[in-house]
Amino acid sequence: MKVKGNHVIYSLVLLFTGFILAFSFQLTSEHRASPAASDQPEAEDELRNHIIRQQAVNQELTEELRRIQSELSHIEEEAAGSERRYFNLVENVDRLRMITGEVPVAGEGIEVRLDDAAFVPEDQHANNFIVHEQHVQKVIDELFVTGAEAVAVNGHRINHQTYIQCIGPVIEIDGNQSFAPFIITAIGDSEQLELSLGMTGGVVDSLVSENVEVRVQKKPDVTLDPYFGENEDSAS
C-alpha cells in the first residue's frame, strides 16, 4: 500500500507539473503571439505603402516610356520626311537629266516616221510635198506635252535647247543634218502617245493634210543615247 501510495503521489505530482508546464507554455505562446497580432496592422500599412510607392514608380516609368516613344515617333517621321525629300530630289534630278539628254534612256515608247509625199502633181510645187522643220517640231511638241520622257530624231537626242531648221530638203538638228524619212522616237506610255497623235483633228491628221506621209508604231523596247551636242557625227 505504501508503494502504491507513493506511485499515486508521484503520478499526481507529475500530472500537476505537466499541467503547470502546459499552462506556462500556453501563456508563453500567447504572449509571443500577442505582439505579432498587435503588429499586424503596422505590417499591412507598410505593405500598402510599399505597393503605393511601387505604383508611383511604375507610373513614372510608364510616362517616361510614353515620352521616349513620342520622341522616337517624331524622329521616325523626320527621317521618313528626309527620305521622301531625298527621293523626290533624286527623282527630279533624274528627270532633268532626261530632259537635258545627259543620260541614256530605255523603255517602251513610240516611233513616228515622217516621209515626203510619194507623188507630186505636175501643177504643184515640190516644196509643198516634203517634210519641213515645222512638221518635225509639231510631232516633238505633241510627244513632250503628252508625257514623253525623251525624244530623238534620226538618232539625234532632243533636249531643251535643241534648234531645228530647214535647208531645202534637209533638216538640220543642232547642226546635224538629217534627210527624209525622219524617224522620231520617243520613250513613254506608248498607248497614250499613240492616242494623242492619232486623235481626230490632231497631229497626224494635220500632217496628212499637208501632204506628209505619216506612220505611227508602238515599240515595246526603245533605247535613246544621250545628247552629244552639235555636230555629234563629226565628233564621233
Protein backbone atom coordinates (compact mmCIF):
# COMPACT_ATOMS: atom_id res chain seq x y z
CA MET A 1 0.00 0.00 0.00
CA LYS A 2 2.86 2.32 0.78
CA VAL A 3 4.47 1.70 -2.58
CA LYS A 4 1.24 2.17 -4.38
CA GLY A 5 0.57 5.33 -2.43
CA ASN A 6 3.93 6.74 -3.46
CA HIS A 7 3.17 5.93 -7.08
CA VAL A 8 -0.10 7.78 -6.80
CA ILE A 9 1.63 10.76 -5.22
CA TYR A 10 4.34 10.70 -7.88
CA SER A 11 1.67 10.46 -10.58
CA LEU A 12 -0.22 13.40 -9.13
CA VAL A 13 2.97 15.44 -8.86
CA LEU A 14 3.91 14.63 -12.43
CA LEU A 15 0.40 15.38 -13.64
CA PHE A 16 0.35 18.68 -11.79
CA THR A 17 3.81 19.51 -13.08
CA GLY A 18 2.75 18.70 -16.64
CA PHE A 19 -0.30 20.85 -16.20
CA ILE A 20 1.81 23.71 -14.90
CA LEU A 21 4.24 23.30 -17.80
CA ALA A 22 1.45 23.13 -20.36
CA PHE A 23 -0.22 26.19 -18.87
CA SER A 24 3.09 28.03 -18.81
CA PHE A 25 3.77 27.06 -22.42
CA GLN A 26 0.33 28.30 -23.43
CA LEU A 27 0.87 31.61 -21.68
CA THR A 28 4.26 31.95 -23.31
CA SER A 29 2.79 31.18 -26.74
CA GLU A 30 0.01 33.67 -26.24
CA HIS A 31 2.49 36.24 -25.02
CA ARG A 32 4.63 35.69 -28.11
CA ALA A 33 1.65 35.71 -30.43
CA SER A 34 0.05 38.78 -28.97
CA PRO A 35 2.81 41.20 -30.14
CA ALA A 36 2.58 39.78 -33.70
CA ALA A 37 -1.15 40.33 -33.64
CA SER A 38 -0.63 43.84 -32.42
CA ASP A 39 1.98 44.44 -35.17
CA GLN A 40 -0.25 43.11 -37.98
CA PRO A 41 -1.91 46.49 -38.80
CA GLU A 42 1.52 48.10 -38.98
CA ALA A 43 2.73 45.37 -41.36
CA GLU A 44 -0.33 45.82 -43.52
CA ASP A 45 0.20 49.58 -43.58
CA GLU A 46 3.85 49.10 -44.53
CA LEU A 47 2.88 46.68 -47.31
CA ARG A 48 0.20 49.06 -48.55
CA ASN A 49 2.66 51.97 -48.54
CA HIS A 50 5.19 49.84 -50.42
CA ILE A 51 2.60 48.98 -53.06
CA ILE A 52 1.64 52.64 -53.38
CA ARG A 53 5.29 53.63 -53.79
CA GLN A 54 5.78 50.89 -56.39
CA GLN A 55 2.70 52.03 -58.27
CA ALA A 56 4.05 55.58 -58.30
CA VAL A 57 7.39 54.33 -59.66
CA ASN A 58 5.55 52.29 -62.32
CA GLN A 59 3.53 55.35 -63.29
CA GLU A 60 6.69 57.42 -63.68
CA LEU A 61 8.29 54.69 -65.78
CA THR A 62 5.15 54.45 -67.94
CA GLU A 63 5.16 58.21 -68.53
CA GLU A 64 8.88 58.09 -69.35
CA LEU A 65 8.25 55.24 -71.82
CA ARG A 66 5.48 57.25 -73.49
CA ARG A 67 7.76 60.28 -73.74
CA ILE A 68 10.53 58.18 -75.32
CA GLN A 69 8.04 56.58 -77.73
CA SER A 70 6.76 60.02 -78.70
CA GLU A 71 10.30 61.27 -79.35
CA LEU A 72 11.08 58.12 -81.33
CA SER A 73 7.94 58.59 -83.45
CA HIS A 74 8.94 62.20 -84.08
CA ILE A 75 12.45 61.12 -85.12
CA GLU A 76 11.00 58.43 -87.40
CA GLU A 77 8.66 60.98 -89.01
CA GLU A 78 11.55 63.37 -89.59
CA ALA A 79 13.65 60.54 -91.04
CA ALA A 80 10.79 59.49 -93.31
CA GLY A 81 10.30 63.10 -94.42
CA SER A 82 14.00 63.45 -95.15
CA GLU A 83 13.95 60.19 -97.07
CA ARG A 84 10.95 61.37 -99.13
CA ARG A 85 12.64 64.71 -99.83
CA TYR A 86 15.82 62.94 -100.84
CA PHE A 87 13.89 60.53 -103.06
CA ASN A 88 11.99 63.42 -104.69
CA LEU A 89 15.24 65.32 -105.19
CA VAL A 90 16.89 62.33 -106.86
CA GLU A 91 13.78 61.80 -108.98
CA ASN A 92 13.78 65.45 -110.06
CA VAL A 93 17.49 65.32 -110.89
CA ASP A 94 16.95 62.18 -112.96
CA ARG A 95 14.04 63.82 -114.76
CA LEU A 96 16.13 66.91 -115.50
CA ARG A 97 18.94 64.73 -116.81
CA MET A 98 16.50 63.01 -119.13
CA ILE A 99 15.12 66.35 -120.33
CA THR A 100 18.58 67.75 -120.95
CA GLY A 101 19.63 64.48 -122.56
CA GLU A 102 22.57 63.88 -120.24
CA VAL A 103 21.81 60.21 -119.69
CA PRO A 104 20.69 57.36 -121.96
CA VAL A 105 17.07 56.31 -121.56
CA ALA A 106 15.39 52.97 -122.23
CA GLY A 107 11.82 51.74 -122.06
CA GLU A 108 8.63 51.33 -124.03
CA GLY A 109 7.76 54.05 -126.49
CA ILE A 110 6.68 55.01 -129.95
CA GLU A 111 8.16 55.59 -133.40
CA VAL A 112 6.80 58.19 -135.80
CA ARG A 113 8.02 58.07 -139.40
CA LEU A 114 7.62 61.25 -141.48
CA ASP A 115 8.34 60.99 -145.19
CA ASP A 116 7.99 63.14 -148.26
CA ALA A 117 4.94 62.50 -150.42
CA ALA A 118 5.44 59.66 -152.90
CA PHE A 119 3.55 61.54 -155.64
CA VAL A 120 3.86 65.20 -156.59
CA PRO A 121 1.31 66.55 -159.10
CA GLU A 122 2.84 68.34 -162.08
CA ASP A 123 0.94 71.53 -161.38
CA GLN A 124 2.13 71.65 -157.73
CA HIS A 125 5.40 72.85 -156.27
CA ALA A 126 7.53 70.01 -154.86
CA ASN A 127 8.26 72.08 -151.78
CA ASN A 128 4.65 71.53 -150.71
CA PHE A 129 5.14 67.75 -150.62
CA ILE A 130 8.23 67.38 -148.46
CA VAL A 131 8.76 67.29 -144.72
CA HIS A 132 9.71 70.65 -143.19
CA GLU A 133 11.05 71.58 -139.75
CA GLN A 134 7.60 72.67 -138.54
CA HIS A 135 6.27 69.18 -139.20
CA VAL A 136 9.02 67.59 -137.14
CA GLN A 137 8.66 70.20 -134.41
CA LYS A 138 4.89 69.65 -134.25
CA VAL A 139 5.39 65.96 -133.55
CA ILE A 140 8.11 66.63 -130.97
CA ASP A 141 5.98 69.17 -129.11
CA GLU A 142 2.98 66.84 -129.01
CA LEU A 143 5.09 63.97 -127.68
CA PHE A 144 6.57 66.06 -124.86
CA VAL A 145 3.18 67.52 -123.95
CA THR A 146 1.73 64.01 -123.78
CA GLY A 147 4.42 62.90 -121.33
CA ALA A 148 7.33 61.57 -123.35
CA GLU A 149 10.44 61.19 -121.21
CA ALA A 150 12.90 61.51 -124.09
CA VAL A 151 12.76 62.14 -127.85
CA ALA A 152 15.24 61.67 -130.70
CA VAL A 153 15.08 62.44 -134.43
CA ASN A 154 17.06 60.12 -136.67
CA GLY A 155 19.07 59.14 -133.61
CA HIS A 156 19.82 62.74 -132.56
CA ARG A 157 18.65 63.28 -128.98
CA ILE A 158 16.42 66.31 -128.43
CA ASN A 159 16.87 68.50 -125.37
CA HIS A 160 15.51 71.82 -124.08
CA GLN A 161 18.00 73.83 -126.18
CA THR A 162 17.58 71.96 -129.46
CA TYR A 163 17.01 74.01 -132.59
CA ILE A 164 15.62 72.64 -135.84
CA GLN A 165 15.82 74.43 -139.17
CA CYS A 166 15.05 73.51 -142.74
CA ILE A 167 17.64 73.79 -145.52
CA GLY A 168 15.84 72.76 -148.69
CA PRO A 169 15.12 69.01 -148.48
CA VAL A 170 17.47 68.74 -145.49
CA ILE A 171 16.58 69.41 -141.85
CA GLU A 172 19.33 70.47 -139.53
CA ILE A 173 19.01 69.48 -135.87
CA ASP A 174 21.56 71.12 -133.59
CA GLY A 175 23.95 71.36 -136.51
CA ASN A 176 23.43 67.73 -137.55
CA GLN A 177 21.85 67.29 -140.97
CA SER A 178 19.11 64.72 -141.48
CA PHE A 179 17.26 63.59 -144.59
CA ALA A 180 13.82 62.11 -145.06
CA PRO A 181 12.45 59.85 -143.86
CA PHE A 182 12.58 61.39 -140.40
CA ILE A 183 12.26 58.81 -137.66
CA ILE A 184 11.07 60.44 -134.44
CA THR A 185 11.49 58.10 -131.50
CA ALA A 186 10.05 58.76 -128.05
CA ILE A 187 10.07 56.92 -124.73
CA GLY A 188 6.93 56.97 -122.63
CA ASP A 189 3.49 55.41 -122.34
CA SER A 190 3.18 54.03 -125.88
CA GLU A 191 -0.61 53.71 -125.70
CA GLN A 192 -1.08 57.30 -124.54
CA LEU A 193 1.42 58.70 -127.05
CA GLU A 194 -0.25 56.89 -129.95
CA LEU A 195 -3.74 58.02 -128.92
CA SER A 196 -2.58 61.62 -128.57
CA LEU A 197 -1.03 61.73 -132.04
CA GLY A 198 -3.89 59.91 -133.74
CA MET A 199 -6.85 61.73 -132.22
CA THR A 200 -9.30 63.26 -134.70
CA GLY A 201 -8.05 66.64 -135.86
CA GLY A 202 -4.74 66.01 -134.14
CA VAL A 203 -1.15 65.99 -135.29
CA VAL A 204 -1.39 63.07 -137.71
CA ASP A 205 -4.46 64.49 -139.45
CA SER A 206 -2.73 67.86 -139.70
CA LEU A 207 0.42 66.35 -141.25
CA VAL A 208 -1.55 64.25 -143.74
CA SER A 209 -3.46 67.33 -144.83
CA GLU A 210 -0.09 68.96 -145.54
CA ASN A 211 0.98 66.08 -147.82
CA VAL A 212 3.29 64.40 -145.30
CA GLU A 213 3.25 60.64 -145.15
CA VAL A 214 2.95 59.52 -141.53
CA ARG A 215 3.29 56.13 -139.91
CA VAL A 216 2.99 55.60 -136.16
CA GLN A 217 4.14 52.42 -134.49
CA LYS A 218 4.33 51.43 -130.82
CA LYS A 219 7.62 49.97 -129.61
CA PRO A 220 7.98 47.68 -126.56
CA ASP A 221 11.67 48.43 -126.13
CA VAL A 222 13.35 51.69 -127.10
CA THR A 223 16.83 52.94 -126.20
CA LEU A 224 17.95 56.52 -126.76
CA ASP A 225 21.56 57.63 -126.47
CA PRO A 226 22.44 60.80 -124.54
CA TYR A 227 22.66 64.19 -126.16
CA PHE A 228 26.10 64.90 -127.63
CA GLY A 229 25.64 68.47 -128.76
CA GLU A 230 26.25 69.98 -132.16
CA ASN A 231 27.95 68.10 -134.97
CA GLU A 232 27.99 64.90 -132.92
CA ASP A 233 28.53 62.79 -136.05
CA SER A 234 31.77 64.54 -136.92
CA ALA A 235 32.85 64.50 -133.27
CA SER A 236 32.31 60.76 -133.05
